[in-house]
Each structure stands twice: as C-alpha cells, then as structure tokens.
Amino acid sequence: MDRQFTALRIIGTVFKVLAWLVLILGLLVGAFVLVAGFTLTNQLGLASLNLGGPLAGIVGFAIILILTVFGFLFLYAVGESAYLFLSIEENTRRTAYFAQQEYTARQPTYPPPVPEDYED
C-alpha cells in the first residue's frame, strides 16, 4: 500500500528534531548558568540584588533544566502524535482493504439471469 500524507510525516519529524535541539540547547544553557553562578560572585544586578553565587547558579540550573525537560517532552509528544495519527489511518485503510477482499471472495457467483422471452 502506498504511503500518504507526506506533509504530516515531515511535520512529525520536524517536531522530533526540534525536541532534541531544545533538549541539547537547554542543557548547554543550564550548564552555562551553573558555571556562571559559581564564577560570578558578589555581582550586583538590578535593584542591588546579588545575582551571582553558587545558590543562584544552582537555582537557575534547576529552573532551566525543568523547563527544558517539559519543552522536550511537549515537542516530542507532538511529533509522536503526528505519527500516531498516520498509524491509525494506515491500519484503518489496511483493515478496510482486507475486509473488502474477504467480502468479495465470499460472494457467490451466479450466472447472469436469462429472460424468459429470449430466443436464439
């Protein structure tokens, strides 16, 4: 059976690739925030808040890690749902095809009826 809905397959693949990119970039940014938190100590930011230090690095890393994991799971689930819809469509089409083949195979083949007033 031929494959249909090529655009939906591409969209599903794009979302899966985006999910992996979000995960990799999120981990890199989280590692950068963690390292920056340990290296930037006593840095005063907006309203004289202490934005550096190990605690700020750890909290920033944890927040970025949680957001990254949720973003990854959401994008990957969208990509997988596209493939789920494609599988449902393909299985439904295959089931209908086999049901039609079985129905036509069980139909009795009678000769065509001959009218009573037919003369040779």
C-alpha atoms as a PDB file:
ATOM      1  CA  MET A   1       0.000   0.000   0.000  1.00  0.00           C
ATOM      2  CA  ASP A   2       1.264   3.429  -0.843  1.00  0.00           C
ATOM      3  CA  ARG A   3       2.134   5.942   1.819  1.00  0.00           C
ATOM      4  CA  GLN A   4       0.002   9.027   2.061  1.00  0.00           C
ATOM      5  CA  PHE A   5       0.181  12.325   3.950  1.00  0.00           C
ATOM      6  CA  THR A   6       3.838  13.124   3.329  1.00  0.00           C
ATOM      7  CA  ALA A   7       3.474  16.594   4.840  1.00  0.00           C
ATOM      8  CA  LEU A   8       2.272  15.135   8.135  1.00  0.00           C
ATOM      9  CA  ARG A   9       5.282  12.817   8.236  1.00  0.00           C
ATOM     10  CA  ILE A  10       7.586  15.779   7.657  1.00  0.00           C
ATOM     11  CA  ILE A  11       5.861  17.804  10.375  1.00  0.00           C
ATOM     12  CA  GLY A  12       6.201  14.934  12.845  1.00  0.00           C
ATOM     13  CA  THR A  13       9.887  14.575  12.059  1.00  0.00           C
ATOM     14  CA  VAL A  14      10.482  18.328  12.350  1.00  0.00           C
ATOM     15  CA  PHE A  15       8.881  18.395  15.797  1.00  0.00           C
ATOM     16  CA  LYS A  16      11.018  15.463  16.945  1.00  0.00           C
ATOM     17  CA  VAL A  17      14.195  17.160  15.703  1.00  0.00           C
ATOM     18  CA  LEU A  18      13.148  20.409  17.402  1.00  0.00           C
ATOM     19  CA  ALA A  19      12.587  18.497  20.636  1.00  0.00           C
ATOM     20  CA  TRP A  20      16.143  17.165  20.586  1.00  0.00           C
ATOM     21  CA  LEU A  21      17.529  20.612  19.751  1.00  0.00           C
ATOM     22  CA  VAL A  22      15.632  22.135  22.675  1.00  0.00           C
ATOM     23  CA  LEU A  23      16.989  19.455  24.989  1.00  0.00           C
ATOM     24  CA  ILE A  24      20.600  19.900  23.882  1.00  0.00           C
ATOM     25  CA  LEU A  25      20.491  23.703  23.921  1.00  0.00           C
ATOM     26  CA  GLY A  26      18.675  23.740  27.260  1.00  0.00           C
ATOM     27  CA  LEU A  27      21.309  21.522  28.841  1.00  0.00           C
ATOM     28  CA  LEU A  28      24.081  23.724  27.454  1.00  0.00           C
ATOM     29  CA  VAL A  29      22.424  26.909  28.732  1.00  0.00           C
ATOM     30  CA  GLY A  30      21.790  25.260  32.096  1.00  0.00           C
ATOM     31  CA  ALA A  31      25.434  24.229  32.375  1.00  0.00           C
ATOM     32  CA  PHE A  32      26.473  27.773  31.445  1.00  0.00           C
ATOM     33  CA  VAL A  33      24.216  29.237  34.157  1.00  0.00           C
ATOM     34  CA  LEU A  34      25.585  26.770  36.698  1.00  0.00           C
ATOM     35  CA  VAL A  35      29.189  27.598  35.857  1.00  0.00           C
ATOM     36  CA  ALA A  36      28.428  31.327  35.769  1.00  0.00           C
ATOM     37  CA  GLY A  37      26.786  31.074  39.176  1.00  0.00           C
ATOM     38  CA  PHE A  38      29.947  29.607  40.682  1.00  0.00           C
ATOM     39  CA  THR A  39      32.317  32.003  38.924  1.00  0.00           C
ATOM     40  CA  LEU A  40      30.351  35.258  39.302  1.00  0.00           C
ATOM     41  CA  THR A  41      30.325  36.003  42.989  1.00  0.00           C
ATOM     42  CA  ASN A  42      29.207  39.253  44.560  1.00  0.00           C
ATOM     43  CA  GLN A  43      27.803  40.664  41.329  1.00  0.00           C
ATOM     44  CA  LEU A  44      25.166  43.293  41.960  1.00  0.00           C
ATOM     45  CA  GLY A  45      22.382  43.494  39.439  1.00  0.00           C
ATOM     46  CA  LEU A  46      19.059  45.267  39.208  1.00  0.00           C
ATOM     47  CA  ALA A  47      17.952  46.892  42.500  1.00  0.00           C
ATOM     48  CA  SER A  48      21.225  45.821  44.145  1.00  0.00           C
ATOM     49  CA  LEU A  49      20.260  42.157  44.186  1.00  0.00           C
ATOM     50  CA  ASN A  50      23.027  39.627  44.469  1.00  0.00           C
ATOM     51  CA  LEU A  51      22.735  37.776  41.156  1.00  0.00           C
ATOM     52  CA  GLY A  52      25.861  35.660  41.484  1.00  0.00           C
ATOM     53  CA  GLY A  53      26.964  32.916  43.771  1.00  0.00           C
ATOM     54  CA  PRO A  54      26.582  29.178  43.937  1.00  0.00           C
ATOM     55  CA  LEU A  55      22.972  29.259  45.138  1.00  0.00           C
ATOM     56  CA  ALA A  56      21.866  31.430  42.211  1.00  0.00           C
ATOM     57  CA  GLY A  57      23.686  29.124  39.790  1.00  0.00           C
ATOM     58  CA  ILE A  58      22.069  26.006  41.227  1.00  0.00           C
ATOM     59  CA  VAL A  59      18.575  27.540  41.282  1.00  0.00           C
ATOM     60  CA  GLY A  60      18.976  28.863  37.735  1.00  0.00           C
ATOM     61  CA  PHE A  61      20.226  25.488  36.549  1.00  0.00           C
ATOM     62  CA  ALA A  62      17.293  23.676  38.179  1.00  0.00           C
ATOM     63  CA  ILE A  63      14.721  26.045  36.646  1.00  0.00           C
ATOM     64  CA  ILE A  64      16.271  25.808  33.181  1.00  0.00           C
ATOM     65  CA  LEU A  65      16.538  22.024  33.471  1.00  0.00           C
ATOM     66  CA  ILE A  66      12.854  21.662  34.421  1.00  0.00           C
ATOM     67  CA  LEU A  67      11.705  23.973  31.613  1.00  0.00           C
ATOM     68  CA  THR A  68      13.952  22.177  29.131  1.00  0.00           C
ATOM     69  CA  VAL A  69      12.608  18.742  30.047  1.00  0.00           C
ATOM     70  CA  PHE A  70       8.992  19.927  29.772  1.00  0.00           C
ATOM     71  CA  GLY A  71       9.710  21.599  26.434  1.00  0.00           C
ATOM     72  CA  PHE A  72      11.403  18.465  25.143  1.00  0.00           C
ATOM     73  CA  LEU A  73       8.520  16.234  26.241  1.00  0.00           C
ATOM     74  CA  PHE A  74       5.906  18.541  24.722  1.00  0.00           C
ATOM     75  CA  LEU A  75       7.625  18.839  21.336  1.00  0.00           C
ATOM     76  CA  TYR A  76       8.415  15.126  21.183  1.00  0.00           C
ATOM     77  CA  ALA A  77       4.803  14.261  22.077  1.00  0.00           C
ATOM     78  CA  VAL A  78       3.535  16.499  19.256  1.00  0.00           C
ATOM     79  CA  GLY A  79       5.841  14.715  16.804  1.00  0.00           C
ATOM     80  CA  GLU A  80       4.787  11.292  18.052  1.00  0.00           C
ATOM     81  CA  SER A  81       1.104  12.218  17.880  1.00  0.00           C
ATOM     82  CA  ALA A  82       1.527  13.012  14.183  1.00  0.00           C
ATOM     83  CA  TYR A  83       2.952   9.521  13.684  1.00  0.00           C
ATOM     84  CA  LEU A  84       0.140   8.082  15.806  1.00  0.00           C
ATOM     85  CA  PHE A  85      -2.464   9.621  13.511  1.00  0.00           C
ATOM     86  CA  LEU A  86      -0.602   8.250  10.499  1.00  0.00           C
ATOM     87  CA  SER A  87      -0.532   4.755  12.009  1.00  0.00           C
ATOM     88  CA  ILE A  88      -4.240   4.868  12.781  1.00  0.00           C
ATOM     89  CA  GLU A  89      -5.007   5.931   9.212  1.00  0.00           C
ATOM     90  CA  GLU A  90      -2.776   3.253   7.712  1.00  0.00           C
ATOM     91  CA  ASN A  91      -4.186   0.467   9.907  1.00  0.00           C
ATOM     92  CA  THR A  92      -7.755   1.551   9.172  1.00  0.00           C
ATOM     93  CA  ARG A  93      -7.082   1.593   5.432  1.00  0.00           C
ATOM     94  CA  ARG A  94      -5.432  -1.854   5.597  1.00  0.00           C
ATOM     95  CA  THR A  95      -8.328  -3.296   7.614  1.00  0.00           C
ATOM     96  CA  ALA A  96     -10.872  -1.909   5.150  1.00  0.00           C
ATOM     97  CA  TYR A  97      -8.899  -3.363   2.238  1.00  0.00           C
ATOM     98  CA  PHE A  98      -8.768  -6.859   3.758  1.00  0.00           C
ATOM     99  CA  ALA A  99     -12.432  -6.719   4.796  1.00  0.00           C
ATOM    100  CA  GLN A 100     -13.373  -5.789   1.235  1.00  0.00           C
ATOM    101  CA  GLN A 101     -11.269  -8.654  -0.160  1.00  0.00           C
ATOM    102  CA  GLU A 102     -12.918 -11.127   2.205  1.00  0.00           C
ATOM    103  CA  TYR A 103     -16.398  -9.826   1.373  1.00  0.00           C
ATOM    104  CA  THR A 104     -15.878 -10.112  -2.384  1.00  0.00           C
ATOM    105  CA  ALA A 105     -14.381 -13.603  -2.014  1.00  0.00           C
ATOM    106  CA  ARG A 106     -17.457 -14.856  -0.149  1.00  0.00           C
ATOM    107  CA  GLN A 107     -19.982 -13.545  -2.663  1.00  0.00           C
ATOM    108  CA  PRO A 108     -21.481 -16.379  -4.688  1.00  0.00           C
ATOM    109  CA  THR A 109     -21.059 -16.120  -8.410  1.00  0.00           C
ATOM    110  CA  TYR A 110     -24.301 -16.874 -10.157  1.00  0.00           C
ATOM    111  CA  PRO A 111     -24.670 -16.883 -13.926  1.00  0.00           C
ATOM    112  CA  PRO A 112     -26.499 -13.836 -15.212  1.00  0.00           C
ATOM    113  CA  PRO A 113     -30.257 -14.330 -15.374  1.00  0.00           C
ATOM    114  CA  VAL A 114     -31.731 -15.168 -18.767  1.00  0.00           C
ATOM    115  CA  PRO A 115     -35.043 -13.523 -19.627  1.00  0.00           C
ATOM    116  CA  GLU A 116     -37.941 -15.896 -20.324  1.00  0.00           C
ATOM    117  CA  ASP A 117     -38.809 -14.452 -23.693  1.00  0.00           C
ATOM    118  CA  TYR A 118     -35.270 -14.706 -25.005  1.00  0.00           C
ATOM    119  CA  GLU A 119     -34.986 -16.515 -28.316  1.00  0.00           C
ATOM    120  CA  ASP A 120     -31.876 -17.617 -30.114  1.00  0.00           C
END
